[in-house]
Amino acid sequence: MEIIGLIVAGIIIGLLGKFVAPGDKDNIPIWLTVLCGIGGVLIGYYVAGALGVDKTDGIDWLRWIISIAVAAVLVIAASTLTGRSNRSVR
């Protein structure tokens, strides 16, 4: 995969991963969401390859679903580790 394609796919997959992640995950910056998406694409491709999904004809929907799920997990982890709290301290 070329670097431009990886970045574009990372943006889309990162936003989709943020969308499907449970809870309010709006407390991480967009650049971190994109990094989670790029990580989701890379890890998703390797997981799909290990499962034998990458040898199909046409669009590999299962590979993309795996990438979105991995990106969602990465978004949750990033939100938990680095997210800013929205609660006010009294």
PDB file of N, CA and C in Angstrom:
ATOM      1  N   MET A   1       0.857  -1.177   0.000  1.00  0.00           N
ATOM      2  CA  MET A   1       0.000   0.000   0.000  1.00  0.00           C
ATOM      3  C   MET A   1       0.900   1.236   0.000  1.00  0.00           C
ATOM      4  N   GLU A   2       0.562   2.198  -0.811  1.00  0.00           N
ATOM      5  CA  GLU A   2       1.335   3.425  -0.879  1.00  0.00           C
ATOM      6  C   GLU A   2       1.044   4.299   0.334  1.00  0.00           C
ATOM      7  N   ILE A   3       1.949   5.209   0.614  1.00  0.00           N
ATOM      8  CA  ILE A   3       1.835   6.056   1.808  1.00  0.00           C
ATOM      9  C   ILE A   3       0.623   6.979   1.729  1.00  0.00           C
ATOM     10  N   ILE A   4       0.312   7.531   0.548  1.00  0.00           N
ATOM     11  CA  ILE A   4      -0.849   8.411   0.406  1.00  0.00           C
ATOM     12  C   ILE A   4      -2.135   7.614   0.631  1.00  0.00           C
ATOM     13  N   GLY A   5      -2.208   6.427   0.056  1.00  0.00           N
ATOM     14  CA  GLY A   5      -3.377   5.570   0.259  1.00  0.00           C
ATOM     15  C   GLY A   5      -3.540   5.175   1.714  1.00  0.00           C
ATOM     16  N   LEU A   6      -2.421   4.939   2.389  1.00  0.00           N
ATOM     17  CA  LEU A   6      -2.456   4.594   3.809  1.00  0.00           C
ATOM     18  C   LEU A   6      -2.977   5.755   4.649  1.00  0.00           C
ATOM     19  N   ILE A   7      -2.553   6.965   4.327  1.00  0.00           N
ATOM     20  CA  ILE A   7      -3.013   8.141   5.073  1.00  0.00           C
ATOM     21  C   ILE A   7      -4.501   8.392   4.837  1.00  0.00           C
ATOM     22  N   VAL A   8      -4.933   8.297   3.574  1.00  0.00           N
ATOM     23  CA  VAL A   8      -6.356   8.510   3.267  1.00  0.00           C
ATOM     24  C   VAL A   8      -7.204   7.435   3.934  1.00  0.00           C
ATOM     25  N   ALA A   9      -6.795   6.181   3.813  1.00  0.00           N
ATOM     26  CA  ALA A   9      -7.527   5.092   4.467  1.00  0.00           C
ATOM     27  C   ALA A   9      -7.497   5.261   5.977  1.00  0.00           C
ATOM     28  N   GLY A  10      -6.369   5.733   6.526  1.00  0.00           N
ATOM     29  CA  GLY A  10      -6.257   5.958   7.966  1.00  0.00           C
ATOM     30  C   GLY A  10      -7.215   7.025   8.464  1.00  0.00           C
ATOM     31  N   ILE A  11      -7.382   8.078   7.680  1.00  0.00           N
ATOM     32  CA  ILE A  11      -8.334   9.129   8.067  1.00  0.00           C
ATOM     33  C   ILE A  11      -9.751   8.573   8.101  1.00  0.00           C
ATOM     34  N   ILE A  12     -10.119   7.868   7.053  1.00  0.00           N
ATOM     35  CA  ILE A  12     -11.480   7.325   6.974  1.00  0.00           C
ATOM     36  C   ILE A  12     -11.709   6.268   8.050  1.00  0.00           C
ATOM     37  N   ILE A  13     -10.791   5.331   8.183  1.00  0.00           N
ATOM     38  CA  ILE A  13     -10.939   4.251   9.157  1.00  0.00           C
ATOM     39  C   ILE A  13     -10.879   4.801  10.578  1.00  0.00           C
ATOM     40  N   GLY A  14     -10.037   5.803  10.827  1.00  0.00           N
ATOM     41  CA  GLY A  14      -9.968   6.414  12.154  1.00  0.00           C
ATOM     42  C   GLY A  14     -11.284   7.071  12.548  1.00  0.00           C
ATOM     43  N   LEU A  15     -11.880   7.795  11.620  1.00  0.00           N
ATOM     44  CA  LEU A  15     -13.167   8.434  11.910  1.00  0.00           C
ATOM     45  C   LEU A  15     -14.276   7.405  12.081  1.00  0.00           C
ATOM     46  N   LEU A  16     -14.250   6.346  11.264  1.00  0.00           N
ATOM     47  CA  LEU A  16     -15.234   5.280  11.438  1.00  0.00           C
ATOM     48  C   LEU A  16     -15.023   4.551  12.760  1.00  0.00           C
ATOM     49  N   GLY A  17     -13.757   4.333  13.120  1.00  0.00           N
ATOM     50  CA  GLY A  17     -13.464   3.695  14.405  1.00  0.00           C
ATOM     51  C   GLY A  17     -13.919   4.546  15.573  1.00  0.00           C
ATOM     52  N   LYS A  18     -13.756   5.859  15.442  1.00  0.00           N
ATOM     53  CA  LYS A  18     -14.220   6.769  16.489  1.00  0.00           C
ATOM     54  C   LYS A  18     -15.743   6.763  16.565  1.00  0.00           C
ATOM     55  N   PHE A  19     -16.392   6.610  15.422  1.00  0.00           N
ATOM     56  CA  PHE A  19     -17.854   6.583  15.368  1.00  0.00           C
ATOM     57  C   PHE A  19     -18.421   5.325  16.021  1.00  0.00           C
ATOM     58  N   VAL A  20     -17.796   4.174  15.794  1.00  0.00           N
ATOM     59  CA  VAL A  20     -18.323   2.922  16.332  1.00  0.00           C
ATOM     60  C   VAL A  20     -17.847   2.623  17.745  1.00  0.00           C
ATOM     61  N   ALA A  21     -16.875   3.379  18.243  1.00  0.00           N
ATOM     62  CA  ALA A  21     -16.390   3.156  19.611  1.00  0.00           C
ATOM     63  C   ALA A  21     -17.482   3.551  20.600  1.00  0.00           C
ATOM     64  N   PRO A  22     -17.704   2.720  21.617  1.00  0.00           N
ATOM     65  CA  PRO A  22     -18.757   3.046  22.591  1.00  0.00           C
ATOM     66  C   PRO A  22     -18.366   4.227  23.464  1.00  0.00           C
ATOM     67  N   GLY A  23     -19.358   4.982  23.894  1.00  0.00           N
ATOM     68  CA  GLY A  23     -19.111   6.112  24.793  1.00  0.00           C
ATOM     69  C   GLY A  23     -18.758   7.377  24.042  1.00  0.00           C
ATOM     70  N   ASP A  24     -18.403   8.408  24.802  1.00  0.00           N
ATOM     71  CA  ASP A  24     -18.042   9.706  24.244  1.00  0.00           C
ATOM     72  C   ASP A  24     -16.539   9.749  24.041  1.00  0.00           C
ATOM     73  N   LYS A  25     -16.095   9.661  22.804  1.00  0.00           N
ATOM     74  CA  LYS A  25     -14.673   9.645  22.485  1.00  0.00           C
ATOM     75  C   LYS A  25     -14.243  10.933  21.797  1.00  0.00           C
ATOM     76  N   ASP A  26     -14.955  12.039  22.052  1.00  0.00           N
ATOM     77  CA  ASP A  26     -14.612  13.315  21.429  1.00  0.00           C
ATOM     78  C   ASP A  26     -13.528  14.069  22.191  1.00  0.00           C
ATOM     79  N   ASN A  27     -12.934  13.430  23.180  1.00  0.00           N
ATOM     80  CA  ASN A  27     -11.946  14.132  23.994  1.00  0.00           C
ATOM     81  C   ASN A  27     -10.514  13.868  23.538  1.00  0.00           C
ATOM     82  N   ILE A  28     -10.308  13.295  22.351  1.00  0.00           N
ATOM     83  CA  ILE A  28      -8.962  13.154  21.808  1.00  0.00           C
ATOM     84  C   ILE A  28      -8.865  13.993  20.540  1.00  0.00           C
ATOM     85  N   PRO A  29      -7.678  14.522  20.259  1.00  0.00           N
ATOM     86  CA  PRO A  29      -7.528  15.380  19.072  1.00  0.00           C
ATOM     87  C   PRO A  29      -7.655  14.574  17.779  1.00  0.00           C
ATOM     88  N   ILE A  30      -7.951  15.271  16.696  1.00  0.00           N
ATOM     89  CA  ILE A  30      -8.175  14.628  15.404  1.00  0.00           C
ATOM     90  C   ILE A  30      -6.909  13.949  14.893  1.00  0.00           C
ATOM     91  N   TRP A  31      -5.733  14.527  15.170  1.00  0.00           N
ATOM     92  CA  TRP A  31      -4.495  13.909  14.695  1.00  0.00           C
ATOM     93  C   TRP A  31      -4.281  12.550  15.355  1.00  0.00           C
ATOM     94  N   LEU A  32      -4.707  12.402  16.608  1.00  0.00           N
ATOM     95  CA  LEU A  32      -4.583  11.124  17.284  1.00  0.00           C
ATOM     96  C   LEU A  32      -5.591  10.122  16.725  1.00  0.00           C
ATOM     97  N   THR A  33      -6.758  10.600  16.337  1.00  0.00           N
ATOM     98  CA  THR A  33      -7.751   9.745  15.682  1.00  0.00           C
ATOM     99  C   THR A  33      -7.211   9.224  14.357  1.00  0.00           C
ATOM    100  N   VAL A  34      -6.543  10.091  13.592  1.00  0.00           N
ATOM    101  CA  VAL A  34      -5.956   9.679  12.314  1.00  0.00           C
ATOM    102  C   VAL A  34      -4.850   8.650  12.550  1.00  0.00           C
ATOM    103  N   LEU A  35      -4.019   8.853  13.560  1.00  0.00           N
ATOM    104  CA  LEU A  35      -2.969   7.875  13.873  1.00  0.00           C
ATOM    105  C   LEU A  35      -3.570   6.533  14.277  1.00  0.00           C
ATOM    106  N   CYS A  36      -4.655   6.569  15.028  1.00  0.00           N
ATOM    107  CA  CYS A  36      -5.348   5.326  15.391  1.00  0.00           C
ATOM    108  C   CYS A  36      -5.910   4.649  14.143  1.00  0.00           C
ATOM    109  N   GLY A  37      -6.397   5.428  13.197  1.00  0.00           N
ATOM    110  CA  GLY A  37      -6.900   4.877  11.944  1.00  0.00           C
ATOM    111  C   GLY A  37      -5.809   4.240  11.108  1.00  0.00           C
ATOM    112  N   ILE A  38      -4.653   4.898  11.033  1.00  0.00           N
ATOM    113  CA  ILE A  38      -3.522   4.333  10.295  1.00  0.00           C
ATOM    114  C   ILE A  38      -3.060   3.045  10.968  1.00  0.00           C
ATOM    115  N   GLY A  39      -2.996   3.061  12.293  1.00  0.00           N
ATOM    116  CA  GLY A  39      -2.648   1.841  13.023  1.00  0.00           C
ATOM    117  C   GLY A  39      -3.673   0.748  12.807  1.00  0.00           C
ATOM    118  N   GLY A  40      -4.956   1.132  12.766  1.00  0.00           N
ATOM    119  CA  GLY A  40      -6.017   0.165  12.512  1.00  0.00           C
ATOM    120  C   GLY A  40      -5.911  -0.466  11.138  1.00  0.00           C
ATOM    121  N   VAL A  41      -5.558   0.342  10.141  1.00  0.00           N
ATOM    122  CA  VAL A  41      -5.400  -0.186   8.787  1.00  0.00           C
ATOM    123  C   VAL A  41      -4.224  -1.159   8.736  1.00  0.00           C
ATOM    124  N   LEU A  42      -3.092  -0.760   9.298  1.00  0.00           N
ATOM    125  CA  LEU A  42      -1.905  -1.619   9.257  1.00  0.00           C
ATOM    126  C   LEU A  42      -2.118  -2.923  10.026  1.00  0.00           C
ATOM    127  N   ILE A  43      -2.597  -2.813  11.254  1.00  0.00           N
ATOM    128  CA  ILE A  43      -2.821  -4.013  12.065  1.00  0.00           C
ATOM    129  C   ILE A  43      -3.943  -4.861  11.463  1.00  0.00           C
ATOM    130  N   GLY A  44      -4.988  -4.209  10.967  1.00  0.00           N
ATOM    131  CA  GLY A  44      -6.098  -4.923  10.331  1.00  0.00           C
ATOM    132  C   GLY A  44      -5.654  -5.718   9.113  1.00  0.00           C
ATOM    133  N   TYR A  45      -4.750  -5.162   8.322  1.00  0.00           N
ATOM    134  CA  TYR A  45      -4.246  -5.883   7.153  1.00  0.00           C
ATOM    135  C   TYR A  45      -3.472  -7.119   7.580  1.00  0.00           C
ATOM    136  N   TYR A  46      -2.651  -6.996   8.629  1.00  0.00           N
ATOM    137  CA  TYR A  46      -1.880  -8.148   9.097  1.00  0.00           C
ATOM    138  C   TYR A  46      -2.775  -9.213   9.719  1.00  0.00           C
ATOM    139  N   VAL A  47      -3.782  -8.802  10.473  1.00  0.00           N
ATOM    140  CA  VAL A  47      -4.720  -9.760  11.064  1.00  0.00           C
ATOM    141  C   VAL A  47      -5.516 -10.461   9.959  1.00  0.00           C
ATOM    142  N   ALA A  48      -5.979  -9.690   8.973  1.00  0.00           N
ATOM    143  CA  ALA A  48      -6.718 -10.288   7.861  1.00  0.00           C
ATOM    144  C   ALA A  48      -5.832 -11.254   7.078  1.00  0.00           C
ATOM    145  N   GLY A  49      -4.576 -10.909   6.911  1.00  0.00           N
ATOM    146  CA  GLY A  49      -3.643 -11.806   6.231  1.00  0.00           C
ATOM    147  C   GLY A  49      -3.414 -13.087   7.014  1.00  0.00           C
ATOM    148  N   ALA A  50      -3.330 -12.973   8.331  1.00  0.00           N
ATOM    149  CA  ALA A  50      -3.148 -14.154   9.172  1.00  0.00           C
ATOM    150  C   ALA A  50      -4.377 -15.056   9.138  1.00  0.00           C
ATOM    151  N   LEU A  51      -5.566 -14.458   8.953  1.00  0.00           N
ATOM    152  CA  LEU A  51      -6.794 -15.236   8.877  1.00  0.00           C
ATOM    153  C   LEU A  51      -7.094 -15.742   7.467  1.00  0.00           C
ATOM    154  N   GLY A  52      -6.282 -15.335   6.484  1.00  0.00           N
ATOM    155  CA  GLY A  52      -6.489 -15.760   5.107  1.00  0.00           C
ATOM    156  C   GLY A  52      -7.533 -14.966   4.357  1.00  0.00           C
ATOM    157  N   VAL A  53      -7.915 -13.808   4.866  1.00  0.00           N
ATOM    158  CA  VAL A  53      -8.952 -12.987   4.241  1.00  0.00           C
ATOM    159  C   VAL A  53      -8.405 -12.203   3.050  1.00  0.00           C
ATOM    160  N   ASP A  54      -7.104 -11.984   2.985  1.00  0.00           N
ATOM    161  CA  ASP A  54      -6.532 -11.129   1.945  1.00  0.00           C
ATOM    162  C   ASP A  54      -6.462 -11.805   0.574  1.00  0.00           C
ATOM    163  N   LYS A  55      -6.880 -13.032   0.451  1.00  0.00           N
ATOM    164  CA  LYS A  55      -6.794 -13.754  -0.811  1.00  0.00           C
ATOM    165  C   LYS A  55      -8.137 -13.837  -1.538  1.00  0.00           C
ATOM    166  N   THR A  56      -8.998 -12.865  -1.353  1.00  0.00           N
ATOM    167  CA  THR A  56     -10.312 -12.888  -1.981  1.00  0.00           C
ATOM    168  C   THR A  56     -10.326 -12.005  -3.223  1.00  0.00           C
ATOM    169  N   ASP A  57     -11.286 -12.254  -4.105  1.00  0.00           N
ATOM    170  CA  ASP A  57     -11.466 -11.422  -5.300  1.00  0.00           C
ATOM    171  C   ASP A  57     -12.355 -10.232  -4.951  1.00  0.00           C
ATOM    172  N   GLY A  58     -12.110  -9.098  -5.583  1.00  0.00           N
ATOM    173  CA  GLY A  58     -12.942  -7.916  -5.364  1.00  0.00           C
ATOM    174  C   GLY A  58     -12.553  -7.175  -4.091  1.00  0.00           C
ATOM    175  N   ILE A  59     -13.522  -6.506  -3.514  1.00  0.00           N
ATOM    176  CA  ILE A  59     -13.300  -5.711  -2.302  1.00  0.00           C
ATOM    177  C   ILE A  59     -13.289  -6.636  -1.097  1.00  0.00           C
ATOM    178  N   ASP A  60     -12.305  -6.491  -0.265  1.00  0.00           N
ATOM    179  CA  ASP A  60     -12.186  -7.314   0.935  1.00  0.00           C
ATOM    180  C   ASP A  60     -12.935  -6.649   2.087  1.00  0.00           C
ATOM    181  N   TRP A  61     -14.255  -6.853   2.127  1.00  0.00           N
ATOM    182  CA  TRP A  61     -15.081  -6.210   3.146  1.00  0.00           C
ATOM    183  C   TRP A  61     -14.690  -6.652   4.540  1.00  0.00           C
ATOM    184  N   LEU A  62     -14.371  -7.924   4.696  1.00  0.00           N
ATOM    185  CA  LEU A  62     -13.998  -8.428   6.014  1.00  0.00           C
ATOM    186  C   LEU A  62     -12.707  -7.774   6.505  1.00  0.00           C
ATOM    187  N   ARG A  63     -11.770  -7.532   5.597  1.00  0.00           N
ATOM    188  CA  ARG A  63     -10.525  -6.862   5.965  1.00  0.00           C
ATOM    189  C   ARG A  63     -10.804  -5.439   6.451  1.00  0.00           C
ATOM    190  N   TRP A  64     -11.732  -4.743   5.789  1.00  0.00           N
ATOM    191  CA  TRP A  64     -12.065  -3.380   6.195  1.00  0.00           C
ATOM    192  C   TRP A  64     -12.802  -3.375   7.536  1.00  0.00           C
ATOM    193  N   ILE A  65     -13.668  -4.358   7.740  1.00  0.00           N
ATOM    194  CA  ILE A  65     -14.371  -4.449   9.027  1.00  0.00           C
ATOM    195  C   ILE A  65     -13.387  -4.718  10.153  1.00  0.00           C
ATOM    196  N   ILE A  66     -12.415  -5.591   9.906  1.00  0.00           N
ATOM    197  CA  ILE A  66     -11.376  -5.854  10.908  1.00  0.00           C
ATOM    198  C   ILE A  66     -10.585  -4.581  11.186  1.00  0.00           C
ATOM    199  N   SER A  67     -10.250  -3.822  10.146  1.00  0.00           N
ATOM    200  CA  SER A  67      -9.496  -2.569  10.323  1.00  0.00           C
ATOM    201  C   SER A  67     -10.290  -1.557  11.144  1.00  0.00           C
ATOM    202  N   ILE A  68     -11.596  -1.450  10.905  1.00  0.00           N
ATOM    203  CA  ILE A  68     -12.434  -0.524  11.670  1.00  0.00           C
ATOM    204  C   ILE A  68     -12.508  -0.954  13.124  1.00  0.00           C
ATOM    205  N   ALA A  69     -12.641  -2.257  13.366  1.00  0.00           N
ATOM    206  CA  ALA A  69     -12.697  -2.756  14.744  1.00  0.00           C
ATOM    207  C   ALA A  69     -11.383  -2.492  15.480  1.00  0.00           C
ATOM    208  N   VAL A  70     -10.262  -2.712  14.806  1.00  0.00           N
ATOM    209  CA  VAL A  70      -8.961  -2.440  15.430  1.00  0.00           C
ATOM    210  C   VAL A  70      -8.812  -0.950  15.693  1.00  0.00           C
ATOM    211  N   ALA A  71      -9.226  -0.106  14.748  1.00  0.00           N
ATOM    212  CA  ALA A  71      -9.156   1.347  14.949  1.00  0.00           C
ATOM    213  C   ALA A  71     -10.036   1.774  16.118  1.00  0.00           C
ATOM    214  N   ALA A  72     -11.211   1.166  16.274  1.00  0.00           N
ATOM    215  CA  ALA A  72     -12.092   1.496  17.403  1.00  0.00           C
ATOM    216  C   ALA A  72     -11.412   1.150  18.726  1.00  0.00           C
ATOM    217  N   VAL A  73     -10.758   0.005  18.775  1.00  0.00           N
ATOM    218  CA  VAL A  73     -10.030  -0.381  19.995  1.00  0.00           C
ATOM    219  C   VAL A  73      -8.901   0.614  20.264  1.00  0.00           C
ATOM    220  N   LEU A  74      -8.193   1.024  19.216  1.00  0.00           N
ATOM    221  CA  LEU A  74      -7.103   1.995  19.396  1.00  0.00           C
ATOM    222  C   LEU A  74      -7.632   3.358  19.833  1.00  0.00           C
ATOM    223  N   VAL A  75      -8.792   3.773  19.309  1.00  0.00           N
ATOM    224  CA  VAL A  75      -9.398   5.041  19.726  1.00  0.00           C
ATOM    225  C   VAL A  75      -9.785   4.974  21.206  1.00  0.00           C
ATOM    226  N   ILE A  76     -10.367   3.854  21.623  1.00  0.00           N
ATOM    227  CA  ILE A  76     -10.729   3.694  23.033  1.00  0.00           C
ATOM    228  C   ILE A  76      -9.484   3.741  23.910  1.00  0.00           C
ATOM    229  N   ALA A  77      -8.425   3.046  23.486  1.00  0.00           N
ATOM    230  CA  ALA A  77      -7.184   3.048  24.260  1.00  0.00           C
ATOM    231  C   ALA A  77      -6.576   4.448  24.322  1.00  0.00           C
ATOM    232  N   ALA A  78      -6.565   5.151  23.194  1.00  0.00           N
ATOM    233  CA  ALA A  78      -6.007   6.507  23.173  1.00  0.00           C
ATOM    234  C   ALA A  78      -6.831   7.448  24.031  1.00  0.00           C
ATOM    235  N   SER A  79      -8.146   7.293  23.996  1.00  0.00           N
ATOM    236  CA  SER A  79      -9.017   8.138  24.805  1.00  0.00           C
ATOM    237  C   SER A  79      -8.801   7.879  26.295  1.00  0.00           C
ATOM    238  N   THR A  80      -8.634   6.618  26.630  1.00  0.00           N
ATOM    239  CA  THR A  80      -8.417   6.257  28.031  1.00  0.00           C
ATOM    240  C   THR A  80      -7.057   6.743  28.528  1.00  0.00           C
ATOM    241  N   LEU A  81      -6.034   6.602  27.706  1.00  0.00           N
ATOM    242  CA  LEU A  81      -4.681   6.938  28.134  1.00  0.00           C
ATOM    243  C   LEU A  81      -4.372   8.429  28.079  1.00  0.00           C
ATOM    244  N   THR A  82      -4.870   9.120  27.059  1.00  0.00           N
ATOM    245  CA  THR A  82      -4.459  10.515  26.869  1.00  0.00           C
ATOM    246  C   THR A  82      -5.604  11.503  26.832  1.00  0.00           C
ATOM    247  N   GLY A  83      -6.830  11.037  26.943  1.00  0.00           N
ATOM    248  CA  GLY A  83      -7.982  11.915  26.792  1.00  0.00           C
ATOM    249  C   GLY A  83      -8.102  12.915  27.920  1.00  0.00           C
ATOM    250  N   ARG A  84      -8.646  14.043  27.566  1.00  0.00           N
ATOM    251  CA  ARG A  84      -8.904  15.084  28.553  1.00  0.00           C
ATOM    252  C   ARG A  84     -10.264  14.837  29.172  1.00  0.00           C
ATOM    253  N   SER A  85     -10.386  15.096  30.421  1.00  0.00           N
ATOM    254  CA  SER A  85     -11.647  14.895  31.110  1.00  0.00           C
ATOM    255  C   SER A  85     -12.571  16.075  30.826  1.00  0.00           C
ATOM    256  N   ASN A  86     -13.853  15.788  30.600  1.00  0.00           N
ATOM    257  CA  ASN A  86     -14.846  16.836  30.372  1.00  0.00           C
ATOM    258  C   ASN A  86     -15.544  17.260  31.646  1.00  0.00           C
ATOM    259  N   ARG A  87     -15.210  16.630  32.767  1.00  0.00           N
ATOM    260  CA  ARG A  87     -15.852  16.962  34.033  1.00  0.00           C
ATOM    261  C   ARG A  87     -15.191  18.173  34.664  1.00  0.00           C
ATOM    262  N   SER A  88     -15.991  19.027  35.248  1.00  0.00           N
ATOM    263  CA  SER A  88     -15.440  20.183  35.941  1.00  0.00           C
ATOM    264  C   SER A  88     -15.233  19.853  37.412  1.00  0.00           C
ATOM    265  N   VAL A  89     -14.175  20.389  37.970  1.00  0.00           N
ATOM    266  CA  VAL A  89     -13.839  20.134  39.369  1.00  0.00           C
ATOM    267  C   VAL A  89     -14.435  21.244  40.212  1.00  0.00           C
ATOM    268  N   ARG A  90     -15.129  20.878  41.284  1.00  0.00           N
ATOM    269  CA  ARG A  90     -15.737  21.902  42.136  1.00  0.00           C
ATOM    270  C   ARG A  90     -14.973  22.028  43.405  1.00  0.00           C
TER     271      ARG A  90
END
